[in-house]
Amino acid sequence: MTSRTEHLLDRFVTGLAALEPVAVWAHGSLAGGDYQEGRSDLDLIAVLAGPVTPGPLWALARLHARLRGEPLAPLLHCSYLTPGTAADPERRHLTWAHGQLFRRTVTPVTRRELLDFGRVLYGKAPRALLPPVPDRELGDFVVRDQRDFWRPAVDKAPLWRQDVWVDLGLLTFARATVTVRDGRLISKRQALDELSVLGAPQEVVADIARRRYEGHAGEDGGTTGGDWPARRAGLTRDYLGPAIDGLVTAHA
């Protein structure tokens, strides 16, 4: 991990000290070994000693405002739990992401990431505060996400001309498949290899690899403009729709 990332994390954890955190953890690519500075989010969880009343709320808002000058600050996301609320998977926790404060749950995927390979930035380890996430609960969640979010999105053709939809659509499907099949979580890089095994269109898989891990759009195979965005969208949607349907049916 580079000094810019470490510098931001150090400033963040130091800034939380006045709120007496019980723990600060990293999950996602930051903890799982697939972190790319400037591309990957900095996914964090902070467990505060007490409830986020108006005083602590303003302190958190000021902290994030102070960090805005950091180049990577827009990528820093953090949900704020307390020891009394950390175990509730349905609880909506105060969260800073995308430049604003709102409330959302800490999903079974996030909880399993924390338990399996979460990085402790401060305080107690995740296993001291979070209950186990059974394989069935994890599998049900990722299949529901495929069924309720990604499958309807496949039918919205204009979305799939964008890199982000192609990349996340295919990689999230591969990750969900492995989670259901093996009861484990894999990184986006590992999901890229899995896509080939799962029969995803090789042109599209190669395109994702070049853009995400080689830093350019591709130099052969007609993948740098022309009708490629439209053809790539068609290949992706033709594969992903039936693939998601099959995963949902098999898990029922």
C-alpha atoms as a PDB file:
ATOM      1  CA  MET A   1       0.000   0.000   0.000  1.00  0.00           C
ATOM      2  CA  THR A   2       1.374   3.388  -0.958  1.00  0.00           C
ATOM      3  CA  SER A   3       2.227   6.311   1.290  1.00  0.00           C
ATOM      4  CA  ARG A   4      -0.737   8.384   0.016  1.00  0.00           C
ATOM      5  CA  THR A   5      -3.185   5.722   1.131  1.00  0.00           C
ATOM      6  CA  GLU A   6      -1.469   5.193   4.463  1.00  0.00           C
ATOM      7  CA  HIS A   7      -1.330   8.944   5.051  1.00  0.00           C
ATOM      8  CA  LEU A   8      -5.081   9.296   4.561  1.00  0.00           C
ATOM      9  CA  LEU A   9      -5.848   6.315   6.779  1.00  0.00           C
ATOM     10  CA  ASP A  10      -3.570   7.687   9.509  1.00  0.00           C
ATOM     11  CA  ARG A  11      -5.269  11.103   9.350  1.00  0.00           C
ATOM     12  CA  PHE A  12      -8.686   9.470   9.499  1.00  0.00           C
ATOM     13  CA  VAL A  13      -7.937   7.233  12.482  1.00  0.00           C
ATOM     14  CA  THR A  14      -6.225  10.087  14.320  1.00  0.00           C
ATOM     15  CA  GLY A  15      -9.202  12.337  13.647  1.00  0.00           C
ATOM     16  CA  LEU A  16     -11.542   9.767  15.183  1.00  0.00           C
ATOM     17  CA  ALA A  17      -9.625   9.695  18.464  1.00  0.00           C
ATOM     18  CA  ALA A  18     -11.813  12.370  20.068  1.00  0.00           C
ATOM     19  CA  LEU A  19     -14.825  10.068  19.603  1.00  0.00           C
ATOM     20  CA  GLU A  20     -13.084   7.216  21.450  1.00  0.00           C
ATOM     21  CA  PRO A  21     -13.496   4.498  18.825  1.00  0.00           C
ATOM     22  CA  VAL A  22     -13.579   0.896  19.962  1.00  0.00           C
ATOM     23  CA  ALA A  23     -12.287  -0.298  16.589  1.00  0.00           C
ATOM     24  CA  VAL A  24     -11.576   0.819  13.044  1.00  0.00           C
ATOM     25  CA  TRP A  25     -11.466  -1.834  10.302  1.00  0.00           C
ATOM     26  CA  ALA A  26     -10.828  -1.991   6.575  1.00  0.00           C
ATOM     27  CA  HIS A  27     -12.623  -4.429   4.288  1.00  0.00           C
ATOM     28  CA  GLY A  28     -13.044  -4.825   0.532  1.00  0.00           C
ATOM     29  CA  SER A  29      -9.983  -4.566  -1.691  1.00  0.00           C
ATOM     30  CA  LEU A  30      -8.111  -2.560   0.923  1.00  0.00           C
ATOM     31  CA  ALA A  31      -8.044  -5.647   3.135  1.00  0.00           C
ATOM     32  CA  GLY A  32      -8.376  -8.402   0.543  1.00  0.00           C
ATOM     33  CA  GLY A  33      -5.245  -7.805  -1.521  1.00  0.00           C
ATOM     34  CA  ASP A  34      -6.725  -6.316  -4.712  1.00  0.00           C
ATOM     35  CA  TYR A  35      -6.326  -2.640  -3.847  1.00  0.00           C
ATOM     36  CA  GLN A  36      -5.438  -0.213  -6.660  1.00  0.00           C
ATOM     37  CA  GLU A  37      -4.725   3.302  -5.486  1.00  0.00           C
ATOM     38  CA  GLY A  38      -6.895   5.878  -7.204  1.00  0.00           C
ATOM     39  CA  ARG A  39      -9.340   3.264  -8.510  1.00  0.00           C
ATOM     40  CA  SER A  40     -10.346   1.214  -5.475  1.00  0.00           C
ATOM     41  CA  ASP A  41     -12.560   2.522  -2.694  1.00  0.00           C
ATOM     42  CA  LEU A  42     -11.207   2.738   0.824  1.00  0.00           C
ATOM     43  CA  ASP A  43     -13.938   0.739   2.567  1.00  0.00           C
ATOM     44  CA  LEU A  44     -13.918   1.247   6.328  1.00  0.00           C
ATOM     45  CA  ILE A  45     -16.000   0.430   9.385  1.00  0.00           C
ATOM     46  CA  ALA A  46     -15.617   2.355  12.647  1.00  0.00           C
ATOM     47  CA  VAL A  47     -17.140   1.142  15.910  1.00  0.00           C
ATOM     48  CA  LEU A  48     -17.700   4.114  18.221  1.00  0.00           C
ATOM     49  CA  ALA A  49     -18.045   3.811  21.974  1.00  0.00           C
ATOM     50  CA  GLY A  50     -21.464   5.457  22.141  1.00  0.00           C
ATOM     51  CA  PRO A  51     -24.440   6.435  19.981  1.00  0.00           C
ATOM     52  CA  VAL A  52     -24.034   9.047  17.275  1.00  0.00           C
ATOM     53  CA  THR A  53     -25.941  11.887  18.903  1.00  0.00           C
ATOM     54  CA  PRO A  54     -25.838  15.418  17.433  1.00  0.00           C
ATOM     55  CA  GLY A  55     -22.457  16.180  19.018  1.00  0.00           C
ATOM     56  CA  PRO A  56     -20.607  13.185  17.533  1.00  0.00           C
ATOM     57  CA  LEU A  57     -22.508  13.651  14.272  1.00  0.00           C
ATOM     58  CA  TRP A  58     -21.103  17.152  13.842  1.00  0.00           C
ATOM     59  CA  ALA A  59     -17.653  15.904  14.817  1.00  0.00           C
ATOM     60  CA  LEU A  60     -17.798  13.277  12.056  1.00  0.00           C
ATOM     61  CA  ALA A  61     -18.998  15.821   9.511  1.00  0.00           C
ATOM     62  CA  ARG A  62     -16.108  18.130  10.429  1.00  0.00           C
ATOM     63  CA  LEU A  63     -13.620  15.274  10.204  1.00  0.00           C
ATOM     64  CA  HIS A  64     -14.677  14.371   6.686  1.00  0.00           C
ATOM     65  CA  ALA A  65     -14.683  18.045   5.713  1.00  0.00           C
ATOM     66  CA  ARG A  66     -11.073  18.373   6.913  1.00  0.00           C
ATOM     67  CA  LEU A  67     -10.043  15.402   4.790  1.00  0.00           C
ATOM     68  CA  ARG A  68     -11.473  16.788   1.546  1.00  0.00           C
ATOM     69  CA  GLY A  69      -8.118  18.158   0.472  1.00  0.00           C
ATOM     70  CA  GLU A  70      -6.620  14.665   0.376  1.00  0.00           C
ATOM     71  CA  PRO A  71      -6.465  13.278  -3.198  1.00  0.00           C
ATOM     72  CA  LEU A  72      -8.003   9.950  -2.195  1.00  0.00           C
ATOM     73  CA  ALA A  73     -10.652  11.350   0.183  1.00  0.00           C
ATOM     74  CA  PRO A  74     -13.568  10.963  -2.308  1.00  0.00           C
ATOM     75  CA  LEU A  75     -12.907   7.213  -2.270  1.00  0.00           C
ATOM     76  CA  LEU A  76     -13.035   6.887   1.529  1.00  0.00           C
ATOM     77  CA  HIS A  77     -16.312   5.361   2.727  1.00  0.00           C
ATOM     78  CA  CYS A  78     -17.054   4.532   6.357  1.00  0.00           C
ATOM     79  CA  SER A  79     -20.036   3.157   8.277  1.00  0.00           C
ATOM     80  CA  TYR A  80     -20.262   3.973  11.978  1.00  0.00           C
ATOM     81  CA  LEU A  81     -21.419   1.244  14.360  1.00  0.00           C
ATOM     82  CA  THR A  82     -21.530   0.940  18.138  1.00  0.00           C
ATOM     83  CA  PRO A  83     -20.896  -2.176  20.264  1.00  0.00           C
ATOM     84  CA  GLY A  84     -24.625  -2.395  20.960  1.00  0.00           C
ATOM     85  CA  THR A  85     -25.684  -2.209  17.308  1.00  0.00           C
ATOM     86  CA  ALA A  86     -22.832  -3.986  15.529  1.00  0.00           C
ATOM     87  CA  ALA A  87     -24.432  -7.437  15.657  1.00  0.00           C
ATOM     88  CA  ASP A  88     -27.747  -6.430  14.026  1.00  0.00           C
ATOM     89  CA  PRO A  89     -27.621  -7.171  10.266  1.00  0.00           C
ATOM     90  CA  GLU A  90     -30.831  -5.198   9.620  1.00  0.00           C
ATOM     91  CA  ARG A  91     -29.681  -2.056  11.391  1.00  0.00           C
ATOM     92  CA  ARG A  92     -29.083   0.995   9.203  1.00  0.00           C
ATOM     93  CA  HIS A  93     -25.889   2.689  10.341  1.00  0.00           C
ATOM     94  CA  LEU A  94     -24.677   6.221   9.790  1.00  0.00           C
ATOM     95  CA  THR A  95     -22.377   6.136   6.766  1.00  0.00           C
ATOM     96  CA  TRP A  96     -20.124   8.596   4.978  1.00  0.00           C
ATOM     97  CA  ALA A  97     -19.863   7.888   1.245  1.00  0.00           C
ATOM     98  CA  HIS A  98     -19.963   9.854  -1.993  1.00  0.00           C
ATOM     99  CA  GLY A  99     -19.466  13.105  -0.122  1.00  0.00           C
ATOM    100  CA  GLN A 100     -22.443  12.827   2.200  1.00  0.00           C
ATOM    101  CA  LEU A 101     -23.821  11.263   5.357  1.00  0.00           C
ATOM    102  CA  PHE A 102     -26.718   8.810   5.161  1.00  0.00           C
ATOM    103  CA  ARG A 103     -27.759   5.464   6.674  1.00  0.00           C
ATOM    104  CA  ARG A 104     -27.353   1.957   5.287  1.00  0.00           C
ATOM    105  CA  THR A 105     -26.936  -1.606   6.498  1.00  0.00           C
ATOM    106  CA  VAL A 106     -23.633  -3.431   6.827  1.00  0.00           C
ATOM    107  CA  THR A 107     -24.291  -6.322   4.455  1.00  0.00           C
ATOM    108  CA  PRO A 108     -23.514  -9.999   5.018  1.00  0.00           C
ATOM    109  CA  VAL A 109     -20.743  -9.679   2.389  1.00  0.00           C
ATOM    110  CA  THR A 110     -19.090  -6.847   4.316  1.00  0.00           C
ATOM    111  CA  ARG A 111     -19.454  -8.729   7.592  1.00  0.00           C
ATOM    112  CA  ARG A 112     -17.923 -11.889   6.153  1.00  0.00           C
ATOM    113  CA  GLU A 113     -15.058  -9.873   4.643  1.00  0.00           C
ATOM    114  CA  LEU A 114     -14.375  -8.359   8.043  1.00  0.00           C
ATOM    115  CA  LEU A 115     -14.464 -11.736   9.772  1.00  0.00           C
ATOM    116  CA  ASP A 116     -12.378 -13.568   7.167  1.00  0.00           C
ATOM    117  CA  PHE A 117      -9.716 -11.014   6.268  1.00  0.00           C
ATOM    118  CA  GLY A 118     -10.598  -7.618   7.715  1.00  0.00           C
ATOM    119  CA  ARG A 119      -7.654  -5.362   8.427  1.00  0.00           C
ATOM    120  CA  VAL A 120      -7.569  -3.880  11.934  1.00  0.00           C
ATOM    121  CA  LEU A 121      -6.526  -0.227  11.775  1.00  0.00           C
ATOM    122  CA  TYR A 122      -7.278   0.397  15.439  1.00  0.00           C
ATOM    123  CA  GLY A 123      -8.650  -1.418  18.476  1.00  0.00           C
ATOM    124  CA  LYS A 124     -10.502  -4.704  18.700  1.00  0.00           C
ATOM    125  CA  ALA A 125     -10.659  -7.347  15.976  1.00  0.00           C
ATOM    126  CA  PRO A 126     -13.950  -7.931  14.105  1.00  0.00           C
ATOM    127  CA  ARG A 127     -14.480 -11.321  15.724  1.00  0.00           C
ATOM    128  CA  ALA A 128     -14.696  -9.624  19.116  1.00  0.00           C
ATOM    129  CA  LEU A 129     -17.764  -7.627  18.060  1.00  0.00           C
ATOM    130  CA  LEU A 130     -19.440  -9.331  15.095  1.00  0.00           C
ATOM    131  CA  PRO A 131     -21.308 -12.659  15.087  1.00  0.00           C
ATOM    132  CA  PRO A 132     -20.540 -15.304  12.435  1.00  0.00           C
ATOM    133  CA  VAL A 133     -22.178 -15.060   9.018  1.00  0.00           C
ATOM    134  CA  PRO A 134     -23.470 -18.531   8.004  1.00  0.00           C
ATOM    135  CA  ASP A 135     -22.828 -19.657   4.431  1.00  0.00           C
ATOM    136  CA  ARG A 136     -26.568 -19.817   3.734  1.00  0.00           C
ATOM    137  CA  GLU A 137     -27.128 -16.225   4.829  1.00  0.00           C
ATOM    138  CA  LEU A 138     -24.230 -15.085   2.669  1.00  0.00           C
ATOM    139  CA  GLY A 139     -25.432 -17.094  -0.337  1.00  0.00           C
ATOM    140  CA  ASP A 140     -29.012 -15.867   0.008  1.00  0.00           C
ATOM    141  CA  PHE A 141     -27.805 -12.278   0.055  1.00  0.00           C
ATOM    142  CA  VAL A 142     -25.612 -12.441  -3.060  1.00  0.00           C
ATOM    143  CA  VAL A 143     -28.293 -14.306  -5.031  1.00  0.00           C
ATOM    144  CA  ARG A 144     -30.914 -11.767  -3.993  1.00  0.00           C
ATOM    145  CA  ASP A 145     -28.601  -8.995  -5.180  1.00  0.00           C
ATOM    146  CA  GLN A 146     -28.190 -10.741  -8.538  1.00  0.00           C
ATOM    147  CA  ARG A 147     -31.939 -11.301  -8.885  1.00  0.00           C
ATOM    148  CA  ASP A 148     -33.250  -7.968  -7.663  1.00  0.00           C
ATOM    149  CA  PHE A 149     -30.579  -5.527  -8.840  1.00  0.00           C
ATOM    150  CA  TRP A 150     -28.389  -6.954 -11.574  1.00  0.00           C
ATOM    151  CA  ARG A 151     -30.984  -8.980 -13.508  1.00  0.00           C
ATOM    152  CA  PRO A 152     -33.335  -6.001 -14.062  1.00  0.00           C
ATOM    153  CA  ALA A 153     -30.311  -3.878 -14.983  1.00  0.00           C
ATOM    154  CA  VAL A 154     -29.399  -6.294 -17.797  1.00  0.00           C
ATOM    155  CA  ASP A 155     -32.573  -5.219 -19.600  1.00  0.00           C
ATOM    156  CA  LYS A 156     -31.521  -1.544 -19.569  1.00  0.00           C
ATOM    157  CA  ALA A 157     -29.402  -1.584 -22.711  1.00  0.00           C
ATOM    158  CA  PRO A 158     -27.864   1.933 -22.559  1.00  0.00           C
ATOM    159  CA  LEU A 159     -26.178   1.179 -19.219  1.00  0.00           C
ATOM    160  CA  TRP A 160     -23.989  -1.503 -20.743  1.00  0.00           C
ATOM    161  CA  ARG A 161     -22.118   0.861 -23.045  1.00  0.00           C
ATOM    162  CA  GLN A 162     -20.356   2.103 -19.906  1.00  0.00           C
ATOM    163  CA  ASP A 163     -17.179   0.425 -18.629  1.00  0.00           C
ATOM    164  CA  VAL A 164     -18.350   0.406 -15.024  1.00  0.00           C
ATOM    165  CA  TRP A 165     -21.509  -1.605 -15.757  1.00  0.00           C
ATOM    166  CA  VAL A 166     -19.676  -4.172 -17.865  1.00  0.00           C
ATOM    167  CA  ASP A 167     -16.917  -4.553 -15.310  1.00  0.00           C
ATOM    168  CA  LEU A 168     -18.997  -4.722 -12.149  1.00  0.00           C
ATOM    169  CA  GLY A 169     -21.821  -6.673 -13.734  1.00  0.00           C
ATOM    170  CA  LEU A 170     -19.583  -9.524 -14.831  1.00  0.00           C
ATOM    171  CA  LEU A 171     -17.210  -9.455 -11.851  1.00  0.00           C
ATOM    172  CA  THR A 172     -20.027  -9.341  -9.315  1.00  0.00           C
ATOM    173  CA  PHE A 173     -21.719 -12.283 -11.017  1.00  0.00           C
ATOM    174  CA  ALA A 174     -18.503 -14.338 -10.888  1.00  0.00           C
ATOM    175  CA  ARG A 175     -17.977 -13.480  -7.239  1.00  0.00           C
ATOM    176  CA  ALA A 176     -21.580 -14.398  -6.388  1.00  0.00           C
ATOM    177  CA  THR A 177     -21.221 -17.724  -8.199  1.00  0.00           C
ATOM    178  CA  VAL A 178     -18.134 -18.676  -6.210  1.00  0.00           C
ATOM    179  CA  THR A 179     -19.758 -17.581  -2.950  1.00  0.00           C
ATOM    180  CA  VAL A 180     -22.816 -19.754  -3.585  1.00  0.00           C
ATOM    181  CA  ARG A 181     -20.743 -22.693  -4.829  1.00  0.00           C
ATOM    182  CA  ASP A 182     -17.912 -22.650  -2.291  1.00  0.00           C
ATOM    183  CA  GLY A 183     -19.098 -20.467   0.593  1.00  0.00           C
ATOM    184  CA  ARG A 184     -16.145 -18.105   0.190  1.00  0.00           C
ATOM    185  CA  LEU A 185     -15.403 -14.598  -1.039  1.00  0.00           C
ATOM    186  CA  ILE A 186     -12.987 -13.796  -3.850  1.00  0.00           C
ATOM    187  CA  SER A 187     -11.422 -10.579  -5.100  1.00  0.00           C
ATOM    188  CA  LYS A 188     -12.267  -8.834  -8.368  1.00  0.00           C
ATOM    189  CA  ARG A 189      -8.968 -10.024  -9.834  1.00  0.00           C
ATOM    190  CA  GLN A 190      -9.777 -13.617  -8.920  1.00  0.00           C
ATOM    191  CA  ALA A 191     -13.274 -13.139 -10.357  1.00  0.00           C
ATOM    192  CA  LEU A 192     -11.733 -12.183 -13.682  1.00  0.00           C
ATOM    193  CA  ASP A 193     -10.082 -15.615 -13.908  1.00  0.00           C
ATOM    194  CA  GLU A 194     -13.329 -17.271 -12.832  1.00  0.00           C
ATOM    195  CA  LEU A 195     -15.245 -15.611 -15.675  1.00  0.00           C
ATOM    196  CA  SER A 196     -13.299 -17.620 -18.238  1.00  0.00           C
ATOM    197  CA  VAL A 197     -14.241 -20.844 -16.461  1.00  0.00           C
ATOM    198  CA  LEU A 198     -17.878 -19.731 -16.353  1.00  0.00           C
ATOM    199  CA  GLY A 199     -18.035 -19.239 -20.115  1.00  0.00           C
ATOM    200  CA  ALA A 200     -18.145 -15.436 -20.238  1.00  0.00           C
ATOM    201  CA  PRO A 201     -17.284 -13.882 -23.631  1.00  0.00           C
ATOM    202  CA  GLN A 202     -13.501 -13.912 -23.886  1.00  0.00           C
ATOM    203  CA  GLU A 203     -13.293 -10.617 -25.798  1.00  0.00           C
ATOM    204  CA  VAL A 204     -15.039  -8.871 -22.949  1.00  0.00           C
ATOM    205  CA  VAL A 205     -12.985 -10.595 -20.250  1.00  0.00           C
ATOM    206  CA  ALA A 206      -9.790  -9.564 -22.050  1.00  0.00           C
ATOM    207  CA  ASP A 207     -11.079  -6.001 -22.360  1.00  0.00           C
ATOM    208  CA  ILE A 208     -11.737  -5.807 -18.607  1.00  0.00           C
ATOM    209  CA  ALA A 209      -8.293  -7.207 -17.845  1.00  0.00           C
ATOM    210  CA  ARG A 210      -6.539  -4.665 -20.062  1.00  0.00           C
ATOM    211  CA  ARG A 211      -8.401  -1.682 -18.694  1.00  0.00           C
ATOM    212  CA  ARG A 212      -8.388  -2.592 -15.013  1.00  0.00           C
ATOM    213  CA  TYR A 213      -5.056  -4.306 -14.611  1.00  0.00           C
ATOM    214  CA  GLU A 214      -2.888  -3.183 -17.507  1.00  0.00           C
ATOM    215  CA  GLY A 215      -3.943   0.448 -17.573  1.00  0.00           C
ATOM    216  CA  HIS A 216      -5.052   0.803 -21.197  1.00  0.00           C
ATOM    217  CA  ALA A 217      -8.067   0.097 -23.374  1.00  0.00           C
ATOM    218  CA  GLY A 218      -6.609  -2.650 -25.500  1.00  0.00           C
ATOM    219  CA  GLU A 219      -4.605  -2.632 -28.677  1.00  0.00           C
ATOM    220  CA  ASP A 220      -5.969  -5.486 -30.713  1.00  0.00           C
ATOM    221  CA  GLY A 221      -9.132  -7.399 -31.446  1.00  0.00           C
ATOM    222  CA  GLY A 222     -11.089  -4.282 -32.377  1.00  0.00           C
ATOM    223  CA  THR A 223     -11.582  -3.277 -28.756  1.00  0.00           C
ATOM    224  CA  THR A 224     -10.638   0.403 -28.874  1.00  0.00           C
ATOM    225  CA  GLY A 225     -13.584   2.264 -30.342  1.00  0.00           C
ATOM    226  CA  GLY A 226     -15.728   1.975 -33.442  1.00  0.00           C
ATOM    227  CA  ASP A 227     -18.642  -0.311 -32.753  1.00  0.00           C
ATOM    228  CA  TRP A 228     -16.880  -2.059 -29.850  1.00  0.00           C
ATOM    229  CA  PRO A 229     -18.897  -0.429 -27.017  1.00  0.00           C
ATOM    230  CA  ALA A 230     -22.147  -1.530 -28.651  1.00  0.00           C
ATOM    231  CA  ARG A 231     -20.849  -5.007 -29.492  1.00  0.00           C
ATOM    232  CA  ARG A 232     -19.390  -5.396 -26.002  1.00  0.00           C
ATOM    233  CA  ALA A 233     -22.732  -4.389 -24.491  1.00  0.00           C
ATOM    234  CA  GLY A 234     -24.530  -7.003 -26.558  1.00  0.00           C
ATOM    235  CA  LEU A 235     -22.055  -9.746 -25.692  1.00  0.00           C
ATOM    236  CA  THR A 236     -22.262  -8.908 -22.000  1.00  0.00           C
ATOM    237  CA  ARG A 237     -26.046  -8.749 -21.833  1.00  0.00           C
ATOM    238  CA  ASP A 238     -26.514 -11.911 -23.913  1.00  0.00           C
ATOM    239  CA  TYR A 239     -24.291 -13.784 -21.464  1.00  0.00           C
ATOM    240  CA  LEU A 240     -25.267 -12.203 -18.180  1.00  0.00           C
ATOM    241  CA  GLY A 241     -29.046 -12.478 -18.396  1.00  0.00           C
ATOM    242  CA  PRO A 242     -29.203 -16.284 -18.757  1.00  0.00           C
ATOM    243  CA  ALA A 243     -26.236 -16.707 -16.401  1.00  0.00           C
ATOM    244  CA  ILE A 244     -27.989 -14.839 -13.583  1.00  0.00           C
ATOM    245  CA  ASP A 245     -31.225 -16.720 -14.233  1.00  0.00           C
ATOM    246  CA  GLY A 246     -29.346 -19.996 -13.932  1.00  0.00           C
ATOM    247  CA  LEU A 247     -27.682 -18.972 -10.666  1.00  0.00           C
ATOM    248  CA  VAL A 248     -30.995 -17.888  -9.139  1.00  0.00           C
ATOM    249  CA  THR A 249     -32.759 -21.085 -10.209  1.00  0.00           C
ATOM    250  CA  ALA A 250     -29.994 -23.318  -8.915  1.00  0.00           C
ATOM    251  CA  HIS A 251     -30.006 -21.602  -5.532  1.00  0.00           C
ATOM    252  CA  ALA A 252     -33.771 -21.738  -5.030  1.00  0.00           C
END
